[in-house]
Amino acid sequence: MKEKIFNFFHYKIKNKSIENYFNVLNNDSIRIERIISFGQQSPPDFWYDQDENEWIMLLKGKAKLEFIDRKITLQKGDCLLIPAHEKHRVAYTHKYKPTIWLAVFFK
């Protein structure tokens, strides 16, 4: 099999008004995504309640996540495990500078 090289930091964004997702790997047991945000946040009454565990690492930028009982701020290099069905939402990403997430979803 020939190697497929992918660089997380090389990207072209045509529309900054929506989050940009790129599936790095997706199979029956794991899904790995690069997500690039420019000011996106979850709608006011929306909560993620996922069937999968989600491990995230912030590769660039700053973000604020809100959980039912707490709020946290993530900066470049921070990582976090969000267990399946732990309700959470994105409360902040910078509007003009990219926030780059590495997200790993698994059961």
PDB file of N, CA and C in Angstrom:
ATOM      1  N   MET A   1       0.848  -1.185   0.000  1.00  0.00           N
ATOM      2  CA  MET A   1       0.000   0.000   0.000  1.00  0.00           C
ATOM      3  C   MET A   1       0.888   1.239   0.000  1.00  0.00           C
ATOM      4  N   LYS A   2       0.580   2.169  -0.857  1.00  0.00           N
ATOM      5  CA  LYS A   2       1.343   3.405  -0.925  1.00  0.00           C
ATOM      6  C   LYS A   2       0.891   4.355   0.192  1.00  0.00           C
ATOM      7  N   GLU A   3       1.871   5.010   0.825  1.00  0.00           N
ATOM      8  CA  GLU A   3       1.549   5.943   1.903  1.00  0.00           C
ATOM      9  C   GLU A   3       0.775   7.142   1.354  1.00  0.00           C
ATOM     10  N   LYS A   4      -0.130   7.624   2.164  1.00  0.00           N
ATOM     11  CA  LYS A   4      -0.866   8.842   1.816  1.00  0.00           C
ATOM     12  C   LYS A   4      -0.528   9.879   2.883  1.00  0.00           C
ATOM     13  N   ILE A   5       0.221  10.894   2.497  1.00  0.00           N
ATOM     14  CA  ILE A   5       0.662  11.905   3.449  1.00  0.00           C
ATOM     15  C   ILE A   5      -0.397  13.003   3.527  1.00  0.00           C
ATOM     16  N   PHE A   6      -0.734  13.363   4.749  1.00  0.00           N
ATOM     17  CA  PHE A   6      -1.725  14.404   5.014  1.00  0.00           C
ATOM     18  C   PHE A   6      -1.126  15.358   6.037  1.00  0.00           C
ATOM     19  N   ASN A   7      -1.182  16.637   5.773  1.00  0.00           N
ATOM     20  CA  ASN A   7      -0.673  17.639   6.704  1.00  0.00           C
ATOM     21  C   ASN A   7      -1.855  18.397   7.311  1.00  0.00           C
ATOM     22  N   PHE A   8      -2.003  18.303   8.634  1.00  0.00           N
ATOM     23  CA  PHE A   8      -3.118  18.954   9.330  1.00  0.00           C
ATOM     24  C   PHE A   8      -3.122  20.464   9.144  1.00  0.00           C
ATOM     25  N   PHE A   9      -1.983  21.044   8.898  1.00  0.00           N
ATOM     26  CA  PHE A   9      -1.874  22.500   8.879  1.00  0.00           C
ATOM     27  C   PHE A   9      -1.913  23.093   7.479  1.00  0.00           C
ATOM     28  N   HIS A  10      -2.069  22.265   6.461  1.00  0.00           N
ATOM     29  CA  HIS A  10      -2.244  22.768   5.093  1.00  0.00           C
ATOM     30  C   HIS A  10      -3.696  22.611   4.701  1.00  0.00           C
ATOM     31  N   TYR A  11      -4.355  23.707   4.478  1.00  0.00           N
ATOM     32  CA  TYR A  11      -5.777  23.673   4.152  1.00  0.00           C
ATOM     33  C   TYR A  11      -6.159  24.949   3.411  1.00  0.00           C
ATOM     34  N   LYS A  12      -7.217  24.850   2.645  1.00  0.00           N
ATOM     35  CA  LYS A  12      -7.806  26.004   1.976  1.00  0.00           C
ATOM     36  C   LYS A  12      -9.259  26.068   2.407  1.00  0.00           C
ATOM     37  N   ILE A  13      -9.616  27.164   3.001  1.00  0.00           N
ATOM     38  CA  ILE A  13     -10.980  27.350   3.479  1.00  0.00           C
ATOM     39  C   ILE A  13     -11.680  28.326   2.540  1.00  0.00           C
ATOM     40  N   LYS A  14     -12.746  27.879   1.915  1.00  0.00           N
ATOM     41  CA  LYS A  14     -13.506  28.743   1.011  1.00  0.00           C
ATOM     42  C   LYS A  14     -14.613  29.496   1.744  1.00  0.00           C
ATOM     43  N   ASN A  15     -15.161  28.861   2.772  1.00  0.00           N
ATOM     44  CA  ASN A  15     -16.292  29.457   3.481  1.00  0.00           C
ATOM     45  C   ASN A  15     -16.026  29.403   4.986  1.00  0.00           C
ATOM     46  N   LYS A  16     -15.664  30.532   5.580  1.00  0.00           N
ATOM     47  CA  LYS A  16     -15.357  30.574   7.017  1.00  0.00           C
ATOM     48  C   LYS A  16     -16.604  30.671   7.881  1.00  0.00           C
ATOM     49  N   SER A  17     -17.776  30.764   7.261  1.00  0.00           N
ATOM     50  CA  SER A  17     -19.002  30.884   8.046  1.00  0.00           C
ATOM     51  C   SER A  17     -19.511  29.524   8.536  1.00  0.00           C
ATOM     52  N   ILE A  18     -18.889  28.441   8.073  1.00  0.00           N
ATOM     53  CA  ILE A  18     -19.255  27.108   8.543  1.00  0.00           C
ATOM     54  C   ILE A  18     -18.002  26.384   9.020  1.00  0.00           C
ATOM     55  N   GLU A  19     -18.184  25.439   9.936  1.00  0.00           N
ATOM     56  CA  GLU A  19     -17.045  24.623  10.353  1.00  0.00           C
ATOM     57  C   GLU A  19     -16.639  23.718   9.204  1.00  0.00           C
ATOM     58  N   ASN A  20     -15.348  23.492   9.085  1.00  0.00           N
ATOM     59  CA  ASN A  20     -14.808  22.662   8.022  1.00  0.00           C
ATOM     60  C   ASN A  20     -14.309  21.347   8.605  1.00  0.00           C
ATOM     61  N   TYR A  21     -14.848  20.244   8.102  1.00  0.00           N
ATOM     62  CA  TYR A  21     -14.517  18.903   8.585  1.00  0.00           C
ATOM     63  C   TYR A  21     -13.754  18.151   7.500  1.00  0.00           C
ATOM     64  N   PHE A  22     -12.741  17.390   7.928  1.00  0.00           N
ATOM     65  CA  PHE A  22     -12.028  16.507   7.017  1.00  0.00           C
ATOM     66  C   PHE A  22     -11.852  15.170   7.719  1.00  0.00           C
ATOM     67  N   ASN A  23     -12.382  14.108   7.125  1.00  0.00           N
ATOM     68  CA  ASN A  23     -12.218  12.766   7.682  1.00  0.00           C
ATOM     69  C   ASN A  23     -10.832  12.250   7.361  1.00  0.00           C
ATOM     70  N   VAL A  24     -10.015  12.098   8.372  1.00  0.00           N
ATOM     71  CA  VAL A  24      -8.670  11.566   8.211  1.00  0.00           C
ATOM     72  C   VAL A  24      -8.735  10.042   8.120  1.00  0.00           C
ATOM     73  N   LEU A  25      -9.561   9.443   8.970  1.00  0.00           N
ATOM     74  CA  LEU A  25      -9.733   7.993   9.001  1.00  0.00           C
ATOM     75  C   LEU A  25     -11.129   7.702   9.501  1.00  0.00           C
ATOM     76  N   ASN A  26     -11.776   6.741   8.863  1.00  0.00           N
ATOM     77  CA  ASN A  26     -13.133   6.385   9.277  1.00  0.00           C
ATOM     78  C   ASN A  26     -13.342   4.904   8.983  1.00  0.00           C
ATOM     79  N   ASN A  27     -13.533   4.113  10.057  1.00  0.00           N
ATOM     80  CA  ASN A  27     -13.871   2.704   9.876  1.00  0.00           C
ATOM     81  C   ASN A  27     -14.842   2.290  10.980  1.00  0.00           C
ATOM     82  N   ASP A  28     -15.082   1.004  11.141  1.00  0.00           N
ATOM     83  CA  ASP A  28     -16.087   0.538  12.107  1.00  0.00           C
ATOM     84  C   ASP A  28     -15.729   0.808  13.559  1.00  0.00           C
ATOM     85  N   SER A  29     -14.446   0.999  13.864  1.00  0.00           N
ATOM     86  CA  SER A  29     -14.064   1.151  15.263  1.00  0.00           C
ATOM     87  C   SER A  29     -13.571   2.539  15.648  1.00  0.00           C
ATOM     88  N   ILE A  30     -13.198   3.361  14.677  1.00  0.00           N
ATOM     89  CA  ILE A  30     -12.644   4.676  15.007  1.00  0.00           C
ATOM     90  C   ILE A  30     -12.921   5.664  13.878  1.00  0.00           C
ATOM     91  N   ARG A  31     -13.097   6.916  14.265  1.00  0.00           N
ATOM     92  CA  ARG A  31     -13.243   8.004  13.292  1.00  0.00           C
ATOM     93  C   ARG A  31     -12.331   9.134  13.749  1.00  0.00           C
ATOM     94  N   ILE A  32     -11.471   9.597  12.865  1.00  0.00           N
ATOM     95  CA  ILE A  32     -10.551  10.689  13.178  1.00  0.00           C
ATOM     96  C   ILE A  32     -10.864  11.841  12.224  1.00  0.00           C
ATOM     97  N   GLU A  33     -11.062  13.025  12.795  1.00  0.00           N
ATOM     98  CA  GLU A  33     -11.410  14.199  12.000  1.00  0.00           C
ATOM     99  C   GLU A  33     -10.501  15.372  12.324  1.00  0.00           C
ATOM    100  N   ARG A  34     -10.269  16.189  11.319  1.00  0.00           N
ATOM    101  CA  ARG A  34      -9.711  17.526  11.534  1.00  0.00           C
ATOM    102  C   ARG A  34     -10.894  18.472  11.382  1.00  0.00           C
ATOM    103  N   ILE A  35     -11.055  19.341  12.353  1.00  0.00           N
ATOM    104  CA  ILE A  35     -12.136  20.321  12.325  1.00  0.00           C
ATOM    105  C   ILE A  35     -11.495  21.698  12.413  1.00  0.00           C
ATOM    106  N   ILE A  36     -11.906  22.588  11.543  1.00  0.00           N
ATOM    107  CA  ILE A  36     -11.405  23.964  11.573  1.00  0.00           C
ATOM    108  C   ILE A  36     -12.585  24.890  11.799  1.00  0.00           C
ATOM    109  N   SER A  37     -12.486  25.686  12.859  1.00  0.00           N
ATOM    110  CA  SER A  37     -13.557  26.615  13.246  1.00  0.00           C
ATOM    111  C   SER A  37     -13.071  28.051  13.120  1.00  0.00           C
ATOM    112  N   PHE A  38     -13.978  28.908  12.711  1.00  0.00           N
ATOM    113  CA  PHE A  38     -13.743  30.356  12.665  1.00  0.00           C
ATOM    114  C   PHE A  38     -14.925  31.044  13.340  1.00  0.00           C
ATOM    115  N   GLY A  39     -14.975  30.976  14.661  1.00  0.00           N
ATOM    116  CA  GLY A  39     -16.044  31.651  15.395  1.00  0.00           C
ATOM    117  C   GLY A  39     -17.304  30.826  15.582  1.00  0.00           C
ATOM    118  N   GLN A  40     -17.313  29.600  15.093  1.00  0.00           N
ATOM    119  CA  GLN A  40     -18.516  28.787  15.265  1.00  0.00           C
ATOM    120  C   GLN A  40     -18.679  28.381  16.718  1.00  0.00           C
ATOM    121  N   GLN A  41     -19.920  28.285  17.101  1.00  0.00           N
ATOM    122  CA  GLN A  41     -20.271  27.784  18.424  1.00  0.00           C
ATOM    123  C   GLN A  41     -21.604  27.069  18.312  1.00  0.00           C
ATOM    124  N   SER A  42     -21.911  26.256  19.290  1.00  0.00           N
ATOM    125  CA  SER A  42     -23.172  25.518  19.277  1.00  0.00           C
ATOM    126  C   SER A  42     -24.332  26.490  19.448  1.00  0.00           C
ATOM    127  N   PRO A  43     -25.477  26.196  18.824  1.00  0.00           N
ATOM    128  CA  PRO A  43     -26.661  27.036  19.049  1.00  0.00           C
ATOM    129  C   PRO A  43     -27.014  27.088  20.536  1.00  0.00           C
ATOM    130  N   PRO A  44     -27.693  28.141  20.972  1.00  0.00           N
ATOM    131  CA  PRO A  44     -27.931  28.372  22.411  1.00  0.00           C
ATOM    132  C   PRO A  44     -28.498  27.192  23.195  1.00  0.00           C
ATOM    133  N   ASP A  45     -29.443  26.455  22.670  1.00  0.00           N
ATOM    134  CA  ASP A  45     -30.049  25.360  23.434  1.00  0.00           C
ATOM    135  C   ASP A  45     -29.650  23.989  22.914  1.00  0.00           C
ATOM    136  N   PHE A  46     -28.547  23.912  22.166  1.00  0.00           N
ATOM    137  CA  PHE A  46     -28.104  22.649  21.587  1.00  0.00           C
ATOM    138  C   PHE A  46     -27.006  22.030  22.446  1.00  0.00           C
ATOM    139  N   TRP A  47     -27.105  20.725  22.679  1.00  0.00           N
ATOM    140  CA  TRP A  47     -26.086  19.966  23.400  1.00  0.00           C
ATOM    141  C   TRP A  47     -25.731  18.725  22.597  1.00  0.00           C
ATOM    142  N   TYR A  48     -24.431  18.483  22.409  1.00  0.00           N
ATOM    143  CA  TYR A  48     -23.993  17.210  21.839  1.00  0.00           C
ATOM    144  C   TYR A  48     -24.250  16.132  22.875  1.00  0.00           C
ATOM    145  N   ASP A  49     -24.804  15.021  22.447  1.00  0.00           N
ATOM    146  CA  ASP A  49     -25.032  13.849  23.296  1.00  0.00           C
ATOM    147  C   ASP A  49     -24.728  12.636  22.422  1.00  0.00           C
ATOM    148  N   GLN A  50     -23.466  12.300  22.331  1.00  0.00           N
ATOM    149  CA  GLN A  50     -22.967  11.357  21.334  1.00  0.00           C
ATOM    150  C   GLN A  50     -22.900   9.939  21.867  1.00  0.00           C
ATOM    151  N   ASP A  51     -23.092   8.974  20.971  1.00  0.00           N
ATOM    152  CA  ASP A  51     -22.981   7.558  21.319  1.00  0.00           C
ATOM    153  C   ASP A  51     -21.526   7.112  21.447  1.00  0.00           C
ATOM    154  N   GLU A  52     -20.590   7.923  20.975  1.00  0.00           N
ATOM    155  CA  GLU A  52     -19.171   7.588  20.977  1.00  0.00           C
ATOM    156  C   GLU A  52     -18.423   8.418  22.016  1.00  0.00           C
ATOM    157  N   ASN A  53     -17.296   7.879  22.499  1.00  0.00           N
ATOM    158  CA  ASN A  53     -16.343   8.688  23.253  1.00  0.00           C
ATOM    159  C   ASN A  53     -15.679   9.628  22.264  1.00  0.00           C
ATOM    160  N   GLU A  54     -15.268  10.787  22.740  1.00  0.00           N
ATOM    161  CA  GLU A  54     -14.583  11.745  21.868  1.00  0.00           C
ATOM    162  C   GLU A  54     -13.333  12.252  22.582  1.00  0.00           C
ATOM    163  N   TRP A  55     -12.184  12.010  21.970  1.00  0.00           N
ATOM    164  CA  TRP A  55     -10.924  12.552  22.471  1.00  0.00           C
ATOM    165  C   TRP A  55     -10.554  13.692  21.544  1.00  0.00           C
ATOM    166  N   ILE A  56     -10.337  14.874  22.116  1.00  0.00           N
ATOM    167  CA  ILE A  56     -10.007  16.034  21.294  1.00  0.00           C
ATOM    168  C   ILE A  56      -8.677  16.625  21.740  1.00  0.00           C
ATOM    169  N   MET A  57      -7.977  17.180  20.757  1.00  0.00           N
ATOM    170  CA  MET A  57      -6.768  17.944  21.029  1.00  0.00           C
ATOM    171  C   MET A  57      -6.888  19.228  20.215  1.00  0.00           C
ATOM    172  N   LEU A  58      -6.613  20.339  20.871  1.00  0.00           N
ATOM    173  CA  LEU A  58      -6.627  21.618  20.181  1.00  0.00           C
ATOM    174  C   LEU A  58      -5.221  21.855  19.626  1.00  0.00           C
ATOM    175  N   LEU A  59      -5.111  21.831  18.313  1.00  0.00           N
ATOM    176  CA  LEU A  59      -3.810  21.979  17.666  1.00  0.00           C
ATOM    177  C   LEU A  59      -3.444  23.435  17.428  1.00  0.00           C
ATOM    178  N   LYS A  60      -4.458  24.291  17.340  1.00  0.00           N
ATOM    179  CA  LYS A  60      -4.216  25.711  17.095  1.00  0.00           C
ATOM    180  C   LYS A  60      -5.428  26.493  17.585  1.00  0.00           C
ATOM    181  N   GLY A  61      -5.181  27.660  18.162  1.00  0.00           N
ATOM    182  CA  GLY A  61      -6.281  28.530  18.561  1.00  0.00           C
ATOM    183  C   GLY A  61      -6.693  28.368  20.008  1.00  0.00           C
ATOM    184  N   LYS A  62      -7.933  28.750  20.261  1.00  0.00           N
ATOM    185  CA  LYS A  62      -8.500  28.741  21.605  1.00  0.00           C
ATOM    186  C   LYS A  62      -9.980  28.403  21.478  1.00  0.00           C
ATOM    187  N   ALA A  63     -10.493  27.651  22.442  1.00  0.00           N
ATOM    188  CA  ALA A  63     -11.911  27.286  22.432  1.00  0.00           C
ATOM    189  C   ALA A  63     -12.414  27.189  23.863  1.00  0.00           C
ATOM    190  N   LYS A  64     -13.709  27.388  24.002  1.00  0.00           N
ATOM    191  CA  LYS A  64     -14.370  27.191  25.288  1.00  0.00           C
ATOM    192  C   LYS A  64     -15.467  26.164  25.095  1.00  0.00           C
ATOM    193  N   LEU A  65     -15.462  25.158  25.972  1.00  0.00           N
ATOM    194  CA  LEU A  65     -16.491  24.124  25.964  1.00  0.00           C
ATOM    195  C   LEU A  65     -17.341  24.280  27.217  1.00  0.00           C
ATOM    196  N   GLU A  66     -18.600  23.983  27.059  1.00  0.00           N
ATOM    197  CA  GLU A  66     -19.528  24.058  28.182  1.00  0.00           C
ATOM    198  C   GLU A  66     -20.132  22.677  28.390  1.00  0.00           C
ATOM    199  N   PHE A  67     -20.129  22.244  29.635  1.00  0.00           N
ATOM    200  CA  PHE A  67     -20.764  21.000  30.041  1.00  0.00           C
ATOM    201  C   PHE A  67     -21.936  21.373  30.943  1.00  0.00           C
ATOM    202  N   ILE A  68     -22.745  20.420  31.303  1.00  0.00           N
ATOM    203  CA  ILE A  68     -23.913  20.700  32.144  1.00  0.00           C
ATOM    204  C   ILE A  68     -23.505  21.388  33.447  1.00  0.00           C
ATOM    205  N   ASP A  69     -22.373  20.971  34.027  1.00  0.00           N
ATOM    206  CA  ASP A  69     -21.986  21.451  35.353  1.00  0.00           C
ATOM    207  C   ASP A  69     -20.721  22.307  35.383  1.00  0.00           C
ATOM    208  N   ARG A  70     -20.143  22.633  34.195  1.00  0.00           N
ATOM    209  CA  ARG A  70     -18.890  23.390  34.205  1.00  0.00           C
ATOM    210  C   ARG A  70     -18.572  23.949  32.819  1.00  0.00           C
ATOM    211  N   LYS A  71     -17.640  24.882  32.799  1.00  0.00           N
ATOM    212  CA  LYS A  71     -17.105  25.435  31.555  1.00  0.00           C
ATOM    213  C   LYS A  71     -15.590  25.309  31.606  1.00  0.00           C
ATOM    214  N   ILE A  72     -14.986  25.006  30.456  1.00  0.00           N
ATOM    215  CA  ILE A  72     -13.531  24.913  30.406  1.00  0.00           C
ATOM    216  C   ILE A  72     -13.008  25.664  29.187  1.00  0.00           C
ATOM    217  N   THR A  73     -11.774  26.127  29.296  1.00  0.00           N
ATOM    218  CA  THR A  73     -11.093  26.793  28.192  1.00  0.00           C
ATOM    219  C   THR A  73      -9.956  25.900  27.728  1.00  0.00           C
ATOM    220  N   LEU A  74      -9.882  25.691  26.426  1.00  0.00           N
ATOM    221  CA  LEU A  74      -8.807  24.908  25.828  1.00  0.00           C
ATOM    222  C   LEU A  74      -7.908  25.830  25.024  1.00  0.00           C
ATOM    223  N   GLN A  75      -6.607  25.599  25.139  1.00  0.00           N
ATOM    224  CA  GLN A  75      -5.631  26.352  24.362  1.00  0.00           C
ATOM    225  C   GLN A  75      -4.782  25.363  23.584  1.00  0.00           C
ATOM    226  N   LYS A  76      -3.982  25.872  22.678  1.00  0.00           N
ATOM    227  CA  LYS A  76      -3.132  25.045  21.830  1.00  0.00           C
ATOM    228  C   LYS A  76      -2.401  23.985  22.659  1.00  0.00           C
ATOM    229  N   GLY A  77      -2.548  22.728  22.244  1.00  0.00           N
ATOM    230  CA  GLY A  77      -1.882  21.622  22.918  1.00  0.00           C
ATOM    231  C   GLY A  77      -2.729  20.916  23.960  1.00  0.00           C
ATOM    232  N   ASP A  78      -3.826  21.531  24.391  1.00  0.00           N
ATOM    233  CA  ASP A  78      -4.686  20.892  25.394  1.00  0.00           C
ATOM    234  C   ASP A  78      -5.469  19.750  24.758  1.00  0.00           C
ATOM    235  N   CYS A  79      -5.651  18.668  25.540  1.00  0.00           N
ATOM    236  CA  CYS A  79      -6.470  17.557  25.070  1.00  0.00           C
ATOM    237  C   CYS A  79      -7.427  17.137  26.182  1.00  0.00           C
ATOM    238  N   LEU A  80      -8.482  16.472  25.763  1.00  0.00           N
ATOM    239  CA  LEU A  80      -9.568  16.163  26.689  1.00  0.00           C
ATOM    240  C   LEU A  80     -10.328  14.946  26.177  1.00  0.00           C
ATOM    241  N   LEU A  81     -10.719  14.073  27.087  1.00  0.00           N
ATOM    242  CA  LEU A  81     -11.585  12.941  26.757  1.00  0.00           C
ATOM    243  C   LEU A  81     -12.998  13.275  27.218  1.00  0.00           C
ATOM    244  N   ILE A  82     -13.931  13.214  26.283  1.00  0.00           N
ATOM    245  CA  ILE A  82     -15.345  13.429  26.598  1.00  0.00           C
ATOM    246  C   ILE A  82     -16.035  12.073  26.468  1.00  0.00           C
ATOM    247  N   PRO A  83     -16.451  11.483  27.588  1.00  0.00           N
ATOM    248  CA  PRO A  83     -17.101  10.171  27.523  1.00  0.00           C
ATOM    249  C   PRO A  83     -18.416  10.226  26.739  1.00  0.00           C
ATOM    250  N   ALA A  84     -18.786   9.094  26.164  1.00  0.00           N
ATOM    251  CA  ALA A  84     -20.055   8.997  25.450  1.00  0.00           C
ATOM    252  C   ALA A  84     -21.190   9.489  26.350  1.00  0.00           C
ATOM    253  N   HIS A  85     -22.100  10.212  25.768  1.00  0.00           N
ATOM    254  CA  HIS A  85     -23.312  10.744  26.401  1.00  0.00           C
ATOM    255  C   HIS A  85     -23.061  11.818  27.461  1.00  0.00           C
ATOM    256  N   GLU A  86     -21.844  12.336  27.544  1.00  0.00           N
ATOM    257  CA  GLU A  86     -21.652  13.506  28.403  1.00  0.00           C
ATOM    258  C   GLU A  86     -22.038  14.730  27.580  1.00  0.00           C
ATOM    259  N   LYS A  87     -23.103  15.367  27.984  1.00  0.00           N
ATOM    260  CA  LYS A  87     -23.613  16.502  27.214  1.00  0.00           C
ATOM    261  C   LYS A  87     -22.617  17.653  27.257  1.00  0.00           C
ATOM    262  N   HIS A  88     -22.376  18.214  26.066  1.00  0.00           N
ATOM    263  CA  HIS A  88     -21.425  19.327  25.954  1.00  0.00           C
ATOM    264  C   HIS A  88     -21.759  20.161  24.728  1.00  0.00           C
ATOM    265  N   ARG A  89     -21.190  21.343  24.699  1.00  0.00           N
ATOM    266  CA  ARG A  89     -21.394  22.244  23.570  1.00  0.00           C
ATOM    267  C   ARG A  89     -20.167  23.123  23.413  1.00  0.00           C
ATOM    268  N   VAL A  90     -19.972  23.650  22.208  1.00  0.00           N
ATOM    269  CA  VAL A  90     -18.885  24.595  21.953  1.00  0.00           C
ATOM    270  C   VAL A  90     -19.430  25.985  22.255  1.00  0.00           C
ATOM    271  N   ALA A  91     -18.809  26.664  23.214  1.00  0.00           N
ATOM    272  CA  ALA A  91     -19.268  27.993  23.625  1.00  0.00           C
ATOM    273  C   ALA A  91     -18.507  29.117  22.929  1.00  0.00           C
ATOM    274  N   TYR A  92     -17.283  28.819  22.416  1.00  0.00           N
ATOM    275  CA  TYR A  92     -16.482  29.885  21.799  1.00  0.00           C
ATOM    276  C   TYR A  92     -15.367  29.299  20.950  1.00  0.00           C
ATOM    277  N   THR A  93     -15.157  29.893  19.785  1.00  0.00           N
ATOM    278  CA  THR A  93     -13.918  29.787  19.018  1.00  0.00           C
ATOM    279  C   THR A  93     -13.664  31.169  18.431  1.00  0.00           C
ATOM    280  N   HIS A  94     -12.420  31.502  18.185  1.00  0.00           N
ATOM    281  CA  HIS A  94     -12.053  32.831  17.682  1.00  0.00           C
ATOM    282  C   HIS A  94     -12.651  33.053  16.297  1.00  0.00           C
ATOM    283  N   LYS A  95     -13.190  34.235  16.075  1.00  0.00           N
ATOM    284  CA  LYS A  95     -13.888  34.524  14.825  1.00  0.00           C
ATOM    285  C   LYS A  95     -12.944  34.706  13.634  1.00  0.00           C
ATOM    286  N   TYR A  96     -11.754  35.257  13.847  1.00  0.00           N
ATOM    287  CA  TYR A  96     -10.873  35.607  12.731  1.00  0.00           C
ATOM    288  C   TYR A  96      -9.631  34.736  12.612  1.00  0.00           C
ATOM    289  N   LYS A  97      -9.296  34.016  13.666  1.00  0.00           N
ATOM    290  CA  LYS A  97      -8.132  33.131  13.635  1.00  0.00           C
ATOM    291  C   LYS A  97      -8.634  31.693  13.683  1.00  0.00           C
ATOM    292  N   PRO A  98      -8.019  30.782  12.923  1.00  0.00           N
ATOM    293  CA  PRO A  98      -8.529  29.411  12.909  1.00  0.00           C
ATOM    294  C   PRO A  98      -8.296  28.676  14.231  1.00  0.00           C
ATOM    295  N   THR A  99      -9.286  27.910  14.608  1.00  0.00           N
ATOM    296  CA  THR A  99      -9.172  26.951  15.697  1.00  0.00           C
ATOM    297  C   THR A  99      -9.146  25.578  15.033  1.00  0.00           C
ATOM    298  N   ILE A 100      -8.055  24.842  15.223  1.00  0.00           N
ATOM    299  CA  ILE A 100      -7.908  23.540  14.576  1.00  0.00           C
ATOM    300  C   ILE A 100      -7.980  22.451  15.641  1.00  0.00           C
ATOM    301  N   TRP A 101      -8.938  21.559  15.455  1.00  0.00           N
ATOM    302  CA  TRP A 101      -9.193  20.452  16.363  1.00  0.00           C
ATOM    303  C   TRP A 101      -8.760  19.137  15.721  1.00  0.00           C
ATOM    304  N   LEU A 102      -8.205  18.252  16.509  1.00  0.00           N
ATOM    305  CA  LEU A 102      -8.047  16.846  16.152  1.00  0.00           C
ATOM    306  C   LEU A 102      -9.064  16.110  17.017  1.00  0.00           C
ATOM    307  N   ALA A 103     -10.011  15.448  16.379  1.00  0.00           N
ATOM    308  CA  ALA A 103     -11.068  14.747  17.119  1.00  0.00           C
ATOM    309  C   ALA A 103     -11.025  13.263  16.775  1.00  0.00           C
ATOM    310  N   VAL A 104     -10.988  12.433  17.819  1.00  0.00           N
ATOM    311  CA  VAL A 104     -10.971  10.984  17.664  1.00  0.00           C
ATOM    312  C   VAL A 104     -12.215  10.433  18.343  1.00  0.00           C
ATOM    313  N   PHE A 105     -13.059   9.784  17.568  1.00  0.00           N
ATOM    314  CA  PHE A 105     -14.318   9.214  18.076  1.00  0.00           C
ATOM    315  C   PHE A 105     -14.176   7.697  18.097  1.00  0.00           C
ATOM    316  N   PHE A 106     -14.565   7.083  19.226  1.00  0.00           N
ATOM    317  CA  PHE A 106     -14.442   5.630  19.363  1.00  0.00           C
ATOM    318  C   PHE A 106     -15.449   5.138  20.383  1.00  0.00           C
ATOM    319  N   LYS A 107     -15.755   3.847  20.294  1.00  0.00           N
ATOM    320  CA  LYS A 107     -16.711   3.232  21.230  1.00  0.00           C
ATOM    321  C   LYS A 107     -16.003   2.632  22.413  1.00  0.00           C
TER     322      LYS A 107
END
